[in-house]
């Protein structure tokens, strides 16, 4: 997981940098400061890590995001299956309305 810290002033945001975080061991790794003073990023990181229950909240959020990702994959695969499955039905007569929904006769539309 990567934590990104921003400074927001009057509708403008400034990226202060990011810190990578290993949630299983709850240790931080690489730190990349976008400002000249990396002490600001170090202070923010330390304050964040000392928030009560932050580890449990981050682990819960990670589980929620994984479940959302799984649902999105499931929805996409269902959508793809619908788009690629052949249409099975009775044969359309030439003078019947076209099954595409245009309202035209089949012989004038998708024949």
N, C-alpha and C. Protein backbone atom coordinates (compact mmCIF):
# COMPACT_ATOMS: atom_id res chain seq x y z
N UNK A 1 0.85 -1.16 0.00
CA UNK A 1 0.00 0.00 0.00
C UNK A 1 0.90 1.23 0.00
N UNK A 2 0.44 2.26 -0.68
CA UNK A 2 1.19 3.51 -0.73
C UNK A 2 0.33 4.62 -0.14
N UNK A 3 0.90 5.34 0.79
CA UNK A 3 0.23 6.49 1.38
C UNK A 3 0.78 7.74 0.72
N UNK A 4 -0.10 8.58 0.20
CA UNK A 4 0.32 9.81 -0.45
C UNK A 4 -0.19 10.97 0.40
N UNK A 5 0.71 11.90 0.70
CA UNK A 5 0.36 13.05 1.53
C UNK A 5 0.30 14.30 0.67
N UNK A 6 -0.78 15.07 0.84
CA UNK A 6 -0.98 16.32 0.11
C UNK A 6 -1.15 17.47 1.09
N UNK A 7 -0.73 18.63 0.67
CA UNK A 7 -1.02 19.87 1.39
C UNK A 7 -2.06 20.60 0.55
N UNK A 8 -3.20 20.94 1.16
CA UNK A 8 -4.27 21.60 0.42
C UNK A 8 -4.49 22.99 0.98
N UNK A 9 -4.38 23.98 0.09
CA UNK A 9 -4.60 25.38 0.46
C UNK A 9 -5.42 26.05 -0.64
N UNK A 10 -6.56 26.61 -0.26
CA UNK A 10 -7.39 27.38 -1.18
C UNK A 10 -7.56 26.73 -2.55
N UNK A 11 -8.11 25.55 -2.56
CA UNK A 11 -8.41 24.80 -3.79
C UNK A 11 -7.17 24.38 -4.58
N UNK A 12 -6.01 24.52 -4.00
CA UNK A 12 -4.78 24.05 -4.65
C UNK A 12 -4.17 22.97 -3.78
N UNK A 13 -3.68 21.94 -4.41
CA UNK A 13 -3.04 20.87 -3.66
C UNK A 13 -1.59 20.71 -4.10
N UNK A 14 -0.78 20.32 -3.16
CA UNK A 14 0.64 20.12 -3.41
C UNK A 14 1.00 18.73 -2.90
N UNK A 15 1.56 17.91 -3.76
CA UNK A 15 1.98 16.57 -3.38
C UNK A 15 3.25 16.68 -2.54
N UNK A 16 3.14 16.24 -1.28
CA UNK A 16 4.31 16.29 -0.39
C UNK A 16 5.19 15.05 -0.53
N UNK A 17 4.62 13.98 -1.06
CA UNK A 17 5.39 12.75 -1.24
C UNK A 17 4.59 11.53 -0.85
N UNK A 18 5.22 10.39 -0.94
CA UNK A 18 4.52 9.16 -0.59
C UNK A 18 5.42 8.23 0.22
N UNK A 19 4.76 7.33 0.95
CA UNK A 19 5.44 6.34 1.78
C UNK A 19 4.81 4.99 1.47
N UNK A 20 5.63 4.00 1.17
CA UNK A 20 5.08 2.65 0.97
C UNK A 20 4.94 1.99 2.34
N UNK A 21 3.89 1.17 2.47
CA UNK A 21 3.57 0.57 3.77
C UNK A 21 3.24 -0.90 3.57
N UNK A 22 3.89 -1.75 4.34
CA UNK A 22 3.60 -3.18 4.33
C UNK A 22 2.57 -3.43 5.43
N UNK A 23 1.33 -3.72 5.04
CA UNK A 23 0.26 -3.87 6.03
C UNK A 23 0.39 -5.13 6.87
N UNK A 24 0.95 -6.18 6.31
CA UNK A 24 1.07 -7.42 7.08
C UNK A 24 2.04 -7.26 8.25
N UNK A 25 3.16 -6.62 8.00
CA UNK A 25 4.15 -6.39 9.06
C UNK A 25 3.99 -5.02 9.70
N UNK A 26 3.13 -4.19 9.09
CA UNK A 26 2.89 -2.81 9.51
C UNK A 26 4.21 -2.05 9.69
N UNK A 27 4.99 -2.12 8.62
CA UNK A 27 6.25 -1.38 8.57
C UNK A 27 6.25 -0.55 7.31
N UNK A 28 6.85 0.61 7.39
CA UNK A 28 6.94 1.44 6.20
C UNK A 28 8.26 1.17 5.49
N UNK A 29 8.23 1.39 4.19
CA UNK A 29 9.40 1.12 3.38
C UNK A 29 9.91 2.39 2.75
N UNK A 30 9.93 2.39 1.42
CA UNK A 30 10.46 3.53 0.68
C UNK A 30 9.66 4.80 0.96
N UNK A 31 10.39 5.89 1.00
CA UNK A 31 9.76 7.19 1.19
C UNK A 31 10.32 8.12 0.13
N UNK A 32 9.41 8.77 -0.61
CA UNK A 32 9.82 9.68 -1.67
C UNK A 32 9.19 11.03 -1.43
N UNK A 33 10.00 11.97 -0.99
CA UNK A 33 9.50 13.31 -0.72
C UNK A 33 9.52 14.17 -1.97
N UNK A 34 8.42 14.86 -2.21
CA UNK A 34 8.33 15.75 -3.37
C UNK A 34 8.75 17.18 -3.02
N UNK A 35 8.99 17.42 -1.76
CA UNK A 35 9.40 18.75 -1.33
C UNK A 35 10.88 18.73 -0.96
N UNK A 36 11.44 19.90 -0.82
CA UNK A 36 12.86 19.99 -0.45
C UNK A 36 13.09 19.50 0.98
N UNK A 37 12.10 19.72 1.83
CA UNK A 37 12.23 19.37 3.24
C UNK A 37 11.53 18.04 3.49
N UNK A 38 12.27 16.94 3.58
CA UNK A 38 11.67 15.63 3.81
C UNK A 38 11.27 15.45 5.28
N UNK A 39 11.63 16.39 6.13
CA UNK A 39 11.22 16.31 7.54
C UNK A 39 9.71 16.41 7.67
N UNK A 40 9.08 17.20 6.79
CA UNK A 40 7.62 17.32 6.81
C UNK A 40 6.98 15.97 6.54
N UNK A 41 7.48 15.28 5.54
CA UNK A 41 6.95 13.96 5.19
C UNK A 41 7.19 12.96 6.32
N UNK A 42 8.35 13.01 6.92
CA UNK A 42 8.69 12.12 8.04
C UNK A 42 7.73 12.38 9.22
N UNK A 43 7.45 13.63 9.51
CA UNK A 43 6.55 13.99 10.60
C UNK A 43 5.13 13.50 10.31
N UNK A 44 4.65 13.71 9.09
CA UNK A 44 3.32 13.24 8.71
C UNK A 44 3.22 11.72 8.80
N UNK A 45 4.25 11.05 8.35
CA UNK A 45 4.27 9.58 8.40
C UNK A 45 4.18 9.11 9.84
N UNK A 46 4.97 9.71 10.72
CA UNK A 46 4.98 9.29 12.13
C UNK A 46 3.64 9.57 12.80
N UNK A 47 3.05 10.73 12.52
CA UNK A 47 1.74 11.05 13.10
C UNK A 47 0.68 10.07 12.60
N UNK A 48 0.73 9.75 11.31
CA UNK A 48 -0.23 8.83 10.73
C UNK A 48 -0.10 7.45 11.36
N UNK A 49 1.12 6.97 11.50
CA UNK A 49 1.36 5.63 12.03
C UNK A 49 0.95 5.54 13.50
N UNK A 50 0.89 6.65 14.21
CA UNK A 50 0.53 6.64 15.63
C UNK A 50 -0.96 6.87 15.88
N UNK A 51 -1.75 7.00 14.81
CA UNK A 51 -3.19 7.15 14.98
C UNK A 51 -3.76 5.89 15.61
N UNK A 52 -4.70 6.04 16.55
CA UNK A 52 -5.27 4.84 17.17
C UNK A 52 -6.05 4.01 16.16
N UNK A 53 -5.89 2.70 16.23
CA UNK A 53 -6.60 1.75 15.38
C UNK A 53 -6.33 1.90 13.89
N UNK A 54 -5.25 2.58 13.50
CA UNK A 54 -5.00 2.79 12.07
C UNK A 54 -4.71 1.47 11.35
N UNK A 55 -3.99 0.57 12.02
CA UNK A 55 -3.68 -0.70 11.37
C UNK A 55 -4.96 -1.47 11.04
N UNK A 56 -5.88 -1.56 12.00
CA UNK A 56 -7.13 -2.28 11.77
C UNK A 56 -7.97 -1.60 10.70
N UNK A 57 -7.99 -0.28 10.70
CA UNK A 57 -8.76 0.45 9.70
C UNK A 57 -8.20 0.24 8.30
N UNK A 58 -6.86 0.24 8.18
CA UNK A 58 -6.24 0.03 6.88
C UNK A 58 -6.46 -1.39 6.38
N UNK A 59 -6.34 -2.37 7.27
CA UNK A 59 -6.57 -3.76 6.88
C UNK A 59 -8.02 -3.97 6.44
N UNK A 60 -8.96 -3.36 7.17
CA UNK A 60 -10.37 -3.46 6.80
C UNK A 60 -10.63 -2.81 5.44
N UNK A 61 -10.03 -1.65 5.22
CA UNK A 61 -10.20 -0.94 3.95
C UNK A 61 -9.60 -1.76 2.80
N UNK A 62 -8.47 -2.40 3.04
CA UNK A 62 -7.85 -3.22 2.01
C UNK A 62 -8.76 -4.39 1.65
N UNK A 63 -9.39 -5.02 2.64
CA UNK A 63 -10.33 -6.12 2.37
C UNK A 63 -11.52 -5.63 1.56
N UNK A 64 -12.04 -4.45 1.93
CA UNK A 64 -13.17 -3.88 1.21
C UNK A 64 -12.80 -3.63 -0.25
N UNK A 65 -11.62 -3.09 -0.48
CA UNK A 65 -11.19 -2.79 -1.85
C UNK A 65 -10.98 -4.07 -2.65
N UNK A 66 -10.48 -5.12 -2.02
CA UNK A 66 -10.32 -6.41 -2.71
C UNK A 66 -11.68 -6.97 -3.11
N UNK A 67 -12.66 -6.87 -2.21
CA UNK A 67 -14.01 -7.35 -2.52
C UNK A 67 -14.64 -6.55 -3.65
N UNK A 68 -14.43 -5.25 -3.65
CA UNK A 68 -14.94 -4.41 -4.74
C UNK A 68 -14.29 -4.82 -6.05
N UNK A 69 -12.99 -5.07 -6.02
CA UNK A 69 -12.28 -5.50 -7.22
C UNK A 69 -12.82 -6.83 -7.75
N UNK A 70 -13.09 -7.76 -6.84
CA UNK A 70 -13.64 -9.05 -7.25
C UNK A 70 -15.01 -8.88 -7.88
N UNK A 71 -15.84 -8.01 -7.30
CA UNK A 71 -17.17 -7.75 -7.86
C UNK A 71 -17.08 -7.13 -9.25
N UNK A 72 -16.14 -6.20 -9.43
CA UNK A 72 -15.96 -5.58 -10.74
C UNK A 72 -15.53 -6.60 -11.79
N UNK A 73 -14.64 -7.49 -11.41
CA UNK A 73 -14.20 -8.54 -12.34
C UNK A 73 -15.38 -9.44 -12.69
N UNK A 74 -16.20 -9.78 -11.68
CA UNK A 74 -17.36 -10.64 -11.91
C UNK A 74 -18.35 -9.96 -12.86
N UNK A 75 -18.61 -8.67 -12.64
CA UNK A 75 -19.54 -7.93 -13.49
C UNK A 75 -19.01 -7.86 -14.92
N UNK A 76 -17.71 -7.59 -15.06
CA UNK A 76 -17.12 -7.51 -16.39
C UNK A 76 -17.20 -8.84 -17.12
N UNK A 77 -16.91 -9.94 -16.40
CA UNK A 77 -16.96 -11.25 -17.05
C UNK A 77 -18.39 -11.60 -17.44
N UNK A 78 -19.39 -11.21 -16.62
CA UNK A 78 -20.78 -11.45 -16.97
C UNK A 78 -21.17 -10.64 -18.20
N UNK A 79 -20.72 -9.39 -18.24
CA UNK A 79 -21.02 -8.52 -19.39
C UNK A 79 -20.37 -9.08 -20.65
N UNK A 80 -19.11 -9.52 -20.54
CA UNK A 80 -18.42 -10.10 -21.70
C UNK A 80 -19.12 -11.36 -22.17
N UNK A 81 -19.61 -12.17 -21.22
CA UNK A 81 -20.30 -13.41 -21.59
C UNK A 81 -21.60 -13.10 -22.33
N UNK A 82 -22.30 -12.06 -21.90
CA UNK A 82 -23.54 -11.68 -22.58
C UNK A 82 -23.26 -11.18 -23.99
N UNK A 83 -22.17 -10.47 -24.16
CA UNK A 83 -21.85 -9.90 -25.46
C UNK A 83 -21.36 -10.94 -26.44
N UNK A 84 -20.73 -12.01 -25.94
CA UNK A 84 -20.16 -13.01 -26.84
C UNK A 84 -21.06 -14.23 -27.02
N UNK A 85 -22.12 -14.36 -26.20
CA UNK A 85 -22.96 -15.54 -26.33
C UNK A 85 -23.84 -15.42 -27.57
N UNK A 86 -23.98 -16.51 -28.29
CA UNK A 86 -24.81 -16.47 -29.50
C UNK A 86 -26.28 -16.34 -29.14
N UNK A 87 -27.02 -15.67 -30.00
CA UNK A 87 -28.45 -15.52 -29.80
C UNK A 87 -29.14 -16.79 -30.26
N UNK A 88 -29.87 -17.39 -29.37
CA UNK A 88 -30.57 -18.63 -29.70
C UNK A 88 -32.05 -18.32 -29.72
N UNK A 89 -32.69 -18.60 -30.78
CA UNK A 89 -34.12 -18.32 -30.87
C UNK A 89 -34.66 -18.85 -32.18
N UNK A 90 -35.91 -18.53 -32.41
CA UNK A 90 -36.53 -19.00 -33.64
C UNK A 90 -36.10 -18.14 -34.81
N UNK A 91 -36.26 -18.68 -35.98
CA UNK A 91 -35.88 -17.97 -37.19
C UNK A 91 -36.86 -16.82 -37.44
N UNK A 92 -36.32 -15.67 -37.82
CA UNK A 92 -37.13 -14.48 -38.07
C UNK A 92 -37.58 -14.50 -39.52
N UNK A 93 -38.86 -14.30 -39.71
CA UNK A 93 -39.39 -14.23 -41.07
C UNK A 93 -39.05 -12.90 -41.71
N UNK A 94 -39.07 -12.86 -43.07
CA UNK A 94 -38.70 -11.63 -43.80
C UNK A 94 -39.61 -10.46 -43.50
N UNK A 95 -40.87 -10.69 -43.26
CA UNK A 95 -41.83 -9.61 -43.04
C UNK A 95 -42.10 -9.31 -41.57
N UNK A 96 -41.40 -10.00 -40.67
CA UNK A 96 -41.58 -9.76 -39.23
C UNK A 96 -40.69 -8.59 -38.79
N UNK A 97 -41.02 -7.95 -37.67
CA UNK A 97 -40.16 -6.87 -37.17
C UNK A 97 -38.76 -7.39 -36.85
N UNK A 98 -37.78 -6.58 -37.12
CA UNK A 98 -36.39 -6.97 -36.89
C UNK A 98 -36.13 -7.11 -35.39
N UNK A 99 -35.42 -8.15 -34.97
CA UNK A 99 -35.13 -8.36 -33.55
C UNK A 99 -34.14 -7.34 -32.97
N UNK A 100 -33.51 -6.52 -33.82
CA UNK A 100 -32.56 -5.53 -33.30
C UNK A 100 -33.27 -4.38 -32.62
N UNK A 101 -34.60 -4.27 -32.83
CA UNK A 101 -35.37 -3.23 -32.17
C UNK A 101 -35.54 -1.96 -32.97
N UNK A 102 -35.13 -1.95 -34.22
CA UNK A 102 -35.23 -0.74 -35.03
C UNK A 102 -36.67 -0.41 -35.42
N UNK A 103 -37.54 -1.41 -35.41
CA UNK A 103 -38.92 -1.20 -35.81
C UNK A 103 -39.15 -1.49 -37.29
N UNK A 104 -38.07 -1.66 -38.04
CA UNK A 104 -38.20 -1.96 -39.47
C UNK A 104 -38.46 -3.44 -39.66
N UNK A 105 -38.92 -3.78 -40.86
CA UNK A 105 -39.06 -5.19 -41.18
C UNK A 105 -37.66 -5.78 -41.32
N UNK A 106 -37.56 -7.06 -40.98
CA UNK A 106 -36.27 -7.74 -41.02
C UNK A 106 -35.62 -7.66 -42.40
N UNK A 107 -36.45 -7.80 -43.47
CA UNK A 107 -35.88 -7.79 -44.83
C UNK A 107 -35.33 -6.42 -45.22
N UNK A 108 -35.77 -5.35 -44.56
CA UNK A 108 -35.29 -3.99 -44.87
C UNK A 108 -34.17 -3.55 -43.91
N UNK A 109 -33.92 -4.35 -42.88
CA UNK A 109 -32.96 -3.90 -41.86
C UNK A 109 -31.72 -4.78 -41.79
N UNK A 110 -31.81 -5.91 -41.18
CA UNK A 110 -30.62 -6.74 -40.93
C UNK A 110 -30.56 -7.97 -41.81
N UNK A 111 -31.21 -7.97 -42.96
CA UNK A 111 -31.26 -9.13 -43.84
C UNK A 111 -29.94 -9.35 -44.50
